[in-house]
Amino acid sequence: MILSIHVKPKAHETKFVSWLDDHTAVIAIHATPSDGEANLELIKFLSAKLNVPKTFILLKSGHTSRVKKVELPEGTSLSGLSSQ
């Protein structure tokens, strides 16, 4: 499954913000976008929220962009994102 994510770097905290549509999430990331820190924090956040090992989450595109495509294992439930 491919999930589109709009990242908002340098936020006060890393958290899910909202859904733009069924497969596009807005996520605020505390880390800065330098040296891939924000990408690493995004993967760590998704791993914790979706209960998926970090090694199973692949950043397919958007390494230097705010719009990212992340590949998740088939059958991953996205309900963990919106629960706070």
PDB file of N, CA and C in Angstrom:
ATOM      1  N   MET A   1       0.849  -1.171   0.000  1.00  0.00           N
ATOM      2  CA  MET A   1       0.000   0.000   0.000  1.00  0.00           C
ATOM      3  C   MET A   1       0.897   1.238   0.000  1.00  0.00           C
ATOM      4  N   ILE A   2       0.537   2.202  -0.815  1.00  0.00           N
ATOM      5  CA  ILE A   2       1.278   3.466  -0.876  1.00  0.00           C
ATOM      6  C   ILE A   2       0.466   4.532  -0.151  1.00  0.00           C
ATOM      7  N   LEU A   3       1.126   5.221   0.771  1.00  0.00           N
ATOM      8  CA  LEU A   3       0.506   6.305   1.530  1.00  0.00           C
ATOM      9  C   LEU A   3       1.202   7.597   1.153  1.00  0.00           C
ATOM     10  N   SER A   4       0.431   8.613   0.760  1.00  0.00           N
ATOM     11  CA  SER A   4       0.981   9.945   0.499  1.00  0.00           C
ATOM     12  C   SER A   4       0.967  10.726   1.792  1.00  0.00           C
ATOM     13  N   ILE A   5       2.043  11.452   2.026  1.00  0.00           N
ATOM     14  CA  ILE A   5       2.147  12.230   3.264  1.00  0.00           C
ATOM     15  C   ILE A   5       2.639  13.630   2.942  1.00  0.00           C
ATOM     16  N   HIS A   6       1.925  14.615   3.449  1.00  0.00           N
ATOM     17  CA  HIS A   6       2.372  16.004   3.410  1.00  0.00           C
ATOM     18  C   HIS A   6       3.021  16.272   4.759  1.00  0.00           C
ATOM     19  N   VAL A   7       4.312  16.559   4.750  1.00  0.00           N
ATOM     20  CA  VAL A   7       5.082  16.742   5.976  1.00  0.00           C
ATOM     21  C   VAL A   7       5.198  18.225   6.285  1.00  0.00           C
ATOM     22  N   LYS A   8       5.028  18.553   7.548  1.00  0.00           N
ATOM     23  CA  LYS A   8       5.249  19.914   8.030  1.00  0.00           C
ATOM     24  C   LYS A   8       6.427  19.857   9.002  1.00  0.00           C
ATOM     25  N   PRO A   9       7.652  20.118   8.511  1.00  0.00           N
ATOM     26  CA  PRO A   9       8.837  20.012   9.372  1.00  0.00           C
ATOM     27  C   PRO A   9       8.937  21.163  10.374  1.00  0.00           C
ATOM     28  N   LYS A  10       9.800  20.980  11.348  1.00  0.00           N
ATOM     29  CA  LYS A  10      10.091  21.973  12.391  1.00  0.00           C
ATOM     30  C   LYS A  10       8.854  22.338  13.208  1.00  0.00           C
ATOM     31  N   ALA A  11       7.998  21.368  13.454  1.00  0.00           N
ATOM     32  CA  ALA A  11       6.802  21.595  14.282  1.00  0.00           C
ATOM     33  C   ALA A  11       7.194  21.490  15.759  1.00  0.00           C
ATOM     34  N   HIS A  12       6.300  21.892  16.642  1.00  0.00           N
ATOM     35  CA  HIS A  12       6.562  21.808  18.081  1.00  0.00           C
ATOM     36  C   HIS A  12       6.649  20.368  18.547  1.00  0.00           C
ATOM     37  N   GLU A  13       5.885  19.492  17.897  1.00  0.00           N
ATOM     38  CA  GLU A  13       5.916  18.070  18.228  1.00  0.00           C
ATOM     39  C   GLU A  13       5.555  17.266  16.988  1.00  0.00           C
ATOM     40  N   THR A  14       5.949  15.997  16.982  1.00  0.00           N
ATOM     41  CA  THR A  14       5.597  15.118  15.877  1.00  0.00           C
ATOM     42  C   THR A  14       4.221  14.542  16.150  1.00  0.00           C
ATOM     43  N   LYS A  15       3.293  14.779  15.216  1.00  0.00           N
ATOM     44  CA  LYS A  15       1.927  14.300  15.411  1.00  0.00           C
ATOM     45  C   LYS A  15       1.181  14.264  14.088  1.00  0.00           C
ATOM     46  N   PHE A  16       0.148  13.424  14.067  1.00  0.00           N
ATOM     47  CA  PHE A  16      -0.778  13.382  12.945  1.00  0.00           C
ATOM     48  C   PHE A  16      -1.623  14.642  13.003  1.00  0.00           C
ATOM     49  N   VAL A  17      -1.812  15.302  11.854  1.00  0.00           N
ATOM     50  CA  VAL A  17      -2.596  16.539  11.815  1.00  0.00           C
ATOM     51  C   VAL A  17      -3.991  16.273  11.252  1.00  0.00           C
ATOM     52  N   SER A  18      -4.066  15.703  10.035  1.00  0.00           N
ATOM     53  CA  SER A  18      -5.371  15.475   9.411  1.00  0.00           C
ATOM     54  C   SER A  18      -5.219  14.580   8.186  1.00  0.00           C
ATOM     55  N   TRP A  19      -6.364  14.200   7.627  1.00  0.00           N
ATOM     56  CA  TRP A  19      -6.421  13.473   6.362  1.00  0.00           C
ATOM     57  C   TRP A  19      -6.841  14.440   5.270  1.00  0.00           C
ATOM     58  N   LEU A  20      -6.138  14.448   4.146  1.00  0.00           N
ATOM     59  CA  LEU A  20      -6.582  15.221   2.983  1.00  0.00           C
ATOM     60  C   LEU A  20      -7.555  14.391   2.157  1.00  0.00           C
ATOM     61  N   ASP A  21      -7.297  13.081   2.060  1.00  0.00           N
ATOM     62  CA  ASP A  21      -8.194  12.127   1.428  1.00  0.00           C
ATOM     63  C   ASP A  21      -7.879  10.752   2.012  1.00  0.00           C
ATOM     64  N   ASP A  22      -8.410   9.688   1.419  1.00  0.00           N
ATOM     65  CA  ASP A  22      -8.259   8.344   1.987  1.00  0.00           C
ATOM     66  C   ASP A  22      -6.817   7.880   2.146  1.00  0.00           C
ATOM     67  N   HIS A  23      -5.928   8.319   1.280  1.00  0.00           N
ATOM     68  CA  HIS A  23      -4.540   7.861   1.337  1.00  0.00           C
ATOM     69  C   HIS A  23      -3.539   9.009   1.353  1.00  0.00           C
ATOM     70  N   THR A  24      -3.938  10.172   1.859  1.00  0.00           N
ATOM     71  CA  THR A  24      -3.025  11.305   1.999  1.00  0.00           C
ATOM     72  C   THR A  24      -3.179  11.892   3.398  1.00  0.00           C
ATOM     73  N   ALA A  25      -2.107  11.789   4.175  1.00  0.00           N
ATOM     74  CA  ALA A  25      -2.107  12.282   5.550  1.00  0.00           C
ATOM     75  C   ALA A  25      -1.224  13.515   5.654  1.00  0.00           C
ATOM     76  N   VAL A  26      -1.560  14.390   6.593  1.00  0.00           N
ATOM     77  CA  VAL A  26      -0.713  15.531   6.936  1.00  0.00           C
ATOM     78  C   VAL A  26      -0.117  15.218   8.305  1.00  0.00           C
ATOM     79  N   ILE A  27       1.215  15.231   8.376  1.00  0.00           N
ATOM     80  CA  ILE A  27       1.907  14.907   9.613  1.00  0.00           C
ATOM     81  C   ILE A  27       2.919  16.005   9.920  1.00  0.00           C
ATOM     82  N   ALA A  28       2.856  16.530  11.136  1.00  0.00           N
ATOM     83  CA  ALA A  28       3.823  17.518  11.610  1.00  0.00           C
ATOM     84  C   ALA A  28       5.017  16.757  12.178  1.00  0.00           C
ATOM     85  N   ILE A  29       6.213  17.185  11.806  1.00  0.00           N
ATOM     86  CA  ILE A  29       7.445  16.539  12.247  1.00  0.00           C
ATOM     87  C   ILE A  29       8.284  17.548  13.018  1.00  0.00           C
ATOM     88  N   HIS A  30       8.721  17.165  14.204  1.00  0.00           N
ATOM     89  CA  HIS A  30       9.528  18.054  15.044  1.00  0.00           C
ATOM     90  C   HIS A  30      10.919  18.289  14.459  1.00  0.00           C
ATOM     91  N   ALA A  31      11.495  17.310  13.815  1.00  0.00           N
ATOM     92  CA  ALA A  31      12.868  17.401  13.304  1.00  0.00           C
ATOM     93  C   ALA A  31      12.975  18.391  12.148  1.00  0.00           C
ATOM     94  N   THR A  32      14.197  18.858  11.935  1.00  0.00           N
ATOM     95  CA  THR A  32      14.466  19.727  10.798  1.00  0.00           C
ATOM     96  C   THR A  32      14.684  18.858   9.557  1.00  0.00           C
ATOM     97  N   PRO A  33      14.465  19.432   8.380  1.00  0.00           N
ATOM     98  CA  PRO A  33      14.609  18.634   7.165  1.00  0.00           C
ATOM     99  C   PRO A  33      16.064  18.481   6.693  1.00  0.00           C
ATOM    100  N   SER A  34      17.024  18.749   7.536  1.00  0.00           N
ATOM    101  CA  SER A  34      18.415  18.619   7.118  1.00  0.00           C
ATOM    102  C   SER A  34      18.962  17.226   7.417  1.00  0.00           C
ATOM    103  N   ASP A  35      19.832  16.756   6.555  1.00  0.00           N
ATOM    104  CA  ASP A  35      20.505  15.454   6.703  1.00  0.00           C
ATOM    105  C   ASP A  35      19.537  14.284   6.855  1.00  0.00           C
ATOM    106  N   GLY A  36      18.326  14.415   6.334  1.00  0.00           N
ATOM    107  CA  GLY A  36      17.364  13.318   6.383  1.00  0.00           C
ATOM    108  C   GLY A  36      16.751  13.070   7.752  1.00  0.00           C
ATOM    109  N   GLU A  37      16.952  13.996   8.698  1.00  0.00           N
ATOM    110  CA  GLU A  37      16.419  13.825  10.057  1.00  0.00           C
ATOM    111  C   GLU A  37      14.904  13.721  10.063  1.00  0.00           C
ATOM    112  N   ALA A  38      14.238  14.562   9.270  1.00  0.00           N
ATOM    113  CA  ALA A  38      12.775  14.538   9.237  1.00  0.00           C
ATOM    114  C   ALA A  38      12.269  13.222   8.642  1.00  0.00           C
ATOM    115  N   ASN A  39      12.947  12.696   7.641  1.00  0.00           N
ATOM    116  CA  ASN A  39      12.549  11.417   7.048  1.00  0.00           C
ATOM    117  C   ASN A  39      12.665  10.289   8.068  1.00  0.00           C
ATOM    118  N   LEU A  40      13.760  10.278   8.815  1.00  0.00           N
ATOM    119  CA  LEU A  40      13.947   9.247   9.837  1.00  0.00           C
ATOM    120  C   LEU A  40      12.894   9.351  10.935  1.00  0.00           C
ATOM    121  N   GLU A  41      12.590  10.572  11.341  1.00  0.00           N
ATOM    122  CA  GLU A  41      11.570  10.756  12.376  1.00  0.00           C
ATOM    123  C   GLU A  41      10.189  10.354  11.870  1.00  0.00           C
ATOM    124  N   LEU A  42       9.906  10.631  10.599  1.00  0.00           N
ATOM    125  CA  LEU A  42       8.633  10.225  10.002  1.00  0.00           C
ATOM    126  C   LEU A  42       8.489   8.707  10.034  1.00  0.00           C
ATOM    127  N   ILE A  43       9.519   7.997   9.624  1.00  0.00           N
ATOM    128  CA  ILE A  43       9.464   6.533   9.620  1.00  0.00           C
ATOM    129  C   ILE A  43       9.317   5.987  11.037  1.00  0.00           C
ATOM    130  N   LYS A  44      10.030   6.568  11.988  1.00  0.00           N
ATOM    131  CA  LYS A  44       9.915   6.146  13.392  1.00  0.00           C
ATOM    132  C   LYS A  44       8.494   6.390  13.903  1.00  0.00           C
ATOM    133  N   PHE A  45       7.918   7.539  13.575  1.00  0.00           N
ATOM    134  CA  PHE A  45       6.560   7.887  13.995  1.00  0.00           C
ATOM    135  C   PHE A  45       5.539   6.919  13.398  1.00  0.00           C
ATOM    136  N   LEU A  46       5.644   6.668  12.076  1.00  0.00           N
ATOM    137  CA  LEU A  46       4.716   5.750  11.422  1.00  0.00           C
ATOM    138  C   LEU A  46       4.833   4.340  11.994  1.00  0.00           C
ATOM    139  N   SER A  47       6.039   3.910  12.265  1.00  0.00           N
ATOM    140  CA  SER A  47       6.265   2.586  12.845  1.00  0.00           C
ATOM    141  C   SER A  47       5.548   2.444  14.180  1.00  0.00           C
ATOM    142  N   ALA A  48       5.673   3.449  15.022  1.00  0.00           N
ATOM    143  CA  ALA A  48       5.039   3.403  16.342  1.00  0.00           C
ATOM    144  C   ALA A  48       3.519   3.469  16.248  1.00  0.00           C
ATOM    145  N   LYS A  49       3.004   4.365  15.424  1.00  0.00           N
ATOM    146  CA  LYS A  49       1.558   4.560  15.325  1.00  0.00           C
ATOM    147  C   LYS A  49       0.842   3.417  14.623  1.00  0.00           C
ATOM    148  N   LEU A  50       1.496   2.815  13.625  1.00  0.00           N
ATOM    149  CA  LEU A  50       0.842   1.776  12.824  1.00  0.00           C
ATOM    150  C   LEU A  50       1.235   0.367  13.261  1.00  0.00           C
ATOM    151  N   ASN A  51       2.125   0.290  14.248  1.00  0.00           N
ATOM    152  CA  ASN A  51       2.580  -1.002  14.767  1.00  0.00           C
ATOM    153  C   ASN A  51       3.200  -1.864  13.657  1.00  0.00           C
ATOM    154  N   VAL A  52       4.089  -1.234  12.889  1.00  0.00           N
ATOM    155  CA  VAL A  52       4.790  -1.882  11.785  1.00  0.00           C
ATOM    156  C   VAL A  52       6.290  -1.679  12.026  1.00  0.00           C
ATOM    157  N   PRO A  53       7.103  -2.704  11.875  1.00  0.00           N
ATOM    158  CA  PRO A  53       8.554  -2.519  12.042  1.00  0.00           C
ATOM    159  C   PRO A  53       9.096  -1.461  11.079  1.00  0.00           C
ATOM    160  N   LYS A  54      10.060  -0.665  11.561  1.00  0.00           N
ATOM    161  CA  LYS A  54      10.631   0.401  10.741  1.00  0.00           C
ATOM    162  C   LYS A  54      11.204  -0.134   9.427  1.00  0.00           C
ATOM    163  N   THR A  55      11.743  -1.331   9.450  1.00  0.00           N
ATOM    164  CA  THR A  55      12.353  -1.891   8.244  1.00  0.00           C
ATOM    165  C   THR A  55      11.322  -2.249   7.180  1.00  0.00           C
ATOM    166  N   PHE A  56      10.037  -2.291   7.541  1.00  0.00           N
ATOM    167  CA  PHE A  56       8.975  -2.597   6.586  1.00  0.00           C
ATOM    168  C   PHE A  56       8.394  -1.342   5.951  1.00  0.00           C
ATOM    169  N   ILE A  57       8.836  -0.167   6.375  1.00  0.00           N
ATOM    170  CA  ILE A  57       8.334   1.105   5.851  1.00  0.00           C
ATOM    171  C   ILE A  57       9.391   1.675   4.913  1.00  0.00           C
ATOM    172  N   LEU A  58       9.023   1.863   3.648  1.00  0.00           N
ATOM    173  CA  LEU A  58       9.969   2.337   2.642  1.00  0.00           C
ATOM    174  C   LEU A  58       9.555   3.702   2.116  1.00  0.00           C
ATOM    175  N   LEU A  59      10.481   4.645   2.133  1.00  0.00           N
ATOM    176  CA  LEU A  59      10.245   5.961   1.551  1.00  0.00           C
ATOM    177  C   LEU A  59      10.512   5.845   0.054  1.00  0.00           C
ATOM    178  N   LYS A  60       9.438   5.797  -0.741  1.00  0.00           N
ATOM    179  CA  LYS A  60       9.546   5.552  -2.180  1.00  0.00           C
ATOM    180  C   LYS A  60       9.916   6.809  -2.963  1.00  0.00           C
ATOM    181  N   SER A  61       9.379   7.960  -2.563  1.00  0.00           N
ATOM    182  CA  SER A  61       9.704   9.210  -3.256  1.00  0.00           C
ATOM    183  C   SER A  61       9.501  10.378  -2.303  1.00  0.00           C
ATOM    184  N   GLY A  62      10.089  11.508  -2.669  1.00  0.00           N
ATOM    185  CA  GLY A  62       9.946  12.708  -1.858  1.00  0.00           C
ATOM    186  C   GLY A  62      11.006  12.859  -0.790  1.00  0.00           C
ATOM    187  N   HIS A  63      12.184  12.289  -1.013  1.00  0.00           N
ATOM    188  CA  HIS A  63      13.247  12.351  -0.010  1.00  0.00           C
ATOM    189  C   HIS A  63      13.604  13.787   0.377  1.00  0.00           C
ATOM    190  N   THR A  64      13.505  14.720  -0.561  1.00  0.00           N
ATOM    191  CA  THR A  64      13.833  16.117  -0.279  1.00  0.00           C
ATOM    192  C   THR A  64      12.619  17.027  -0.439  1.00  0.00           C
ATOM    193  N   SER A  65      11.441  16.450  -0.488  1.00  0.00           N
ATOM    194  CA  SER A  65      10.205  17.202  -0.698  1.00  0.00           C
ATOM    195  C   SER A  65       9.309  17.090   0.535  1.00  0.00           C
ATOM    196  N   ARG A  66       8.368  18.000   0.637  1.00  0.00           N
ATOM    197  CA  ARG A  66       7.382  17.903   1.723  1.00  0.00           C
ATOM    198  C   ARG A  66       6.294  16.886   1.410  1.00  0.00           C
ATOM    199  N   VAL A  67       6.144  16.534   0.144  1.00  0.00           N
ATOM    200  CA  VAL A  67       5.173  15.522  -0.264  1.00  0.00           C
ATOM    201  C   VAL A  67       5.930  14.227  -0.469  1.00  0.00           C
ATOM    202  N   LYS A  68       5.591  13.210   0.305  1.00  0.00           N
ATOM    203  CA  LYS A  68       6.313  11.947   0.281  1.00  0.00           C
ATOM    204  C   LYS A  68       5.365  10.797  -0.031  1.00  0.00           C
ATOM    205  N   LYS A  69       5.898   9.766  -0.643  1.00  0.00           N
ATOM    206  CA  LYS A  69       5.174   8.521  -0.888  1.00  0.00           C
ATOM    207  C   LYS A  69       5.871   7.453  -0.065  1.00  0.00           C
ATOM    208  N   VAL A  70       5.107   6.809   0.806  1.00  0.00           N
ATOM    209  CA  VAL A  70       5.654   5.786   1.699  1.00  0.00           C
ATOM    210  C   VAL A  70       4.959   4.473   1.390  1.00  0.00           C
ATOM    211  N   GLU A  71       5.751   3.415   1.233  1.00  0.00           N
ATOM    212  CA  GLU A  71       5.189   2.091   1.007  1.00  0.00           C
ATOM    213  C   GLU A  71       5.077   1.363   2.336  1.00  0.00           C
ATOM    214  N   LEU A  72       3.864   0.876   2.615  1.00  0.00           N
ATOM    215  CA  LEU A  72       3.581   0.122   3.837  1.00  0.00           C
ATOM    216  C   LEU A  72       3.197  -1.299   3.452  1.00  0.00           C
ATOM    217  N   PRO A  73       3.379  -2.256   4.352  1.00  0.00           N
ATOM    218  CA  PRO A  73       2.958  -3.626   4.047  1.00  0.00           C
ATOM    219  C   PRO A  73       1.460  -3.685   3.747  1.00  0.00           C
ATOM    220  N   GLU A  74       1.084  -4.557   2.820  1.00  0.00           N
ATOM    221  CA  GLU A  74      -0.332  -4.736   2.491  1.00  0.00           C
ATOM    222  C   GLU A  74      -1.103  -5.124   3.752  1.00  0.00           C
ATOM    223  N   GLY A  75      -2.295  -4.587   3.894  1.00  0.00           N
ATOM    224  CA  GLY A  75      -3.134  -4.897   5.035  1.00  0.00           C
ATOM    225  C   GLY A  75      -2.882  -4.034   6.267  1.00  0.00           C
ATOM    226  N   THR A  76      -1.957  -3.069   6.161  1.00  0.00           N
ATOM    227  CA  THR A  76      -1.692  -2.183   7.287  1.00  0.00           C
ATOM    228  C   THR A  76      -2.914  -1.314   7.543  1.00  0.00           C
ATOM    229  N   SER A  77      -3.362  -1.290   8.790  1.00  0.00           N
ATOM    230  CA  SER A  77      -4.501  -0.453   9.170  1.00  0.00           C
ATOM    231  C   SER A  77      -4.012   0.964   9.454  1.00  0.00           C
ATOM    232  N   LEU A  78      -4.629   1.943   8.813  1.00  0.00           N
ATOM    233  CA  LEU A  78      -4.245   3.334   9.010  1.00  0.00           C
ATOM    234  C   LEU A  78      -4.990   3.983  10.160  1.00  0.00           C
ATOM    235  N   SER A  79      -5.827   3.237  10.848  1.00  0.00           N
ATOM    236  CA  SER A  79      -6.607   3.808  11.946  1.00  0.00           C
ATOM    237  C   SER A  79      -5.720   4.257  13.112  1.00  0.00           C
ATOM    238  N   GLY A  80      -4.529   3.707  13.234  1.00  0.00           N
ATOM    239  CA  GLY A  80      -3.617   4.099  14.301  1.00  0.00           C
ATOM    240  C   GLY A  80      -3.102   5.516  14.162  1.00  0.00           C
ATOM    241  N   LEU A  81      -3.157   6.062  12.952  1.00  0.00           N
ATOM    242  CA  LEU A  81      -2.672   7.426  12.754  1.00  0.00           C
ATOM    243  C   LEU A  81      -3.577   8.453  13.433  1.00  0.00           C
ATOM    244  N   SER A  82      -4.867   8.337  13.226  1.00  0.00           N
ATOM    245  CA  SER A  82      -5.762   9.374  13.720  1.00  0.00           C
ATOM    246  C   SER A  82      -6.090   9.238  15.206  1.00  0.00           C
ATOM    247  N   SER A  83      -5.745   8.113  15.816  1.00  0.00           N
ATOM    248  CA  SER A  83      -5.991   7.983  17.261  1.00  0.00           C
ATOM    249  C   SER A  83      -4.854   8.657  18.018  1.00  0.00           C
ATOM    250  N   GLN A  84      -5.209   9.532  18.916  1.00  0.00           N
ATOM    251  CA  GLN A  84      -4.194  10.290  19.652  1.00  0.00           C
ATOM    252  C   GLN A  84      -3.974   9.746  21.017  1.00  0.00           C
TER     253      GLN A  84
END
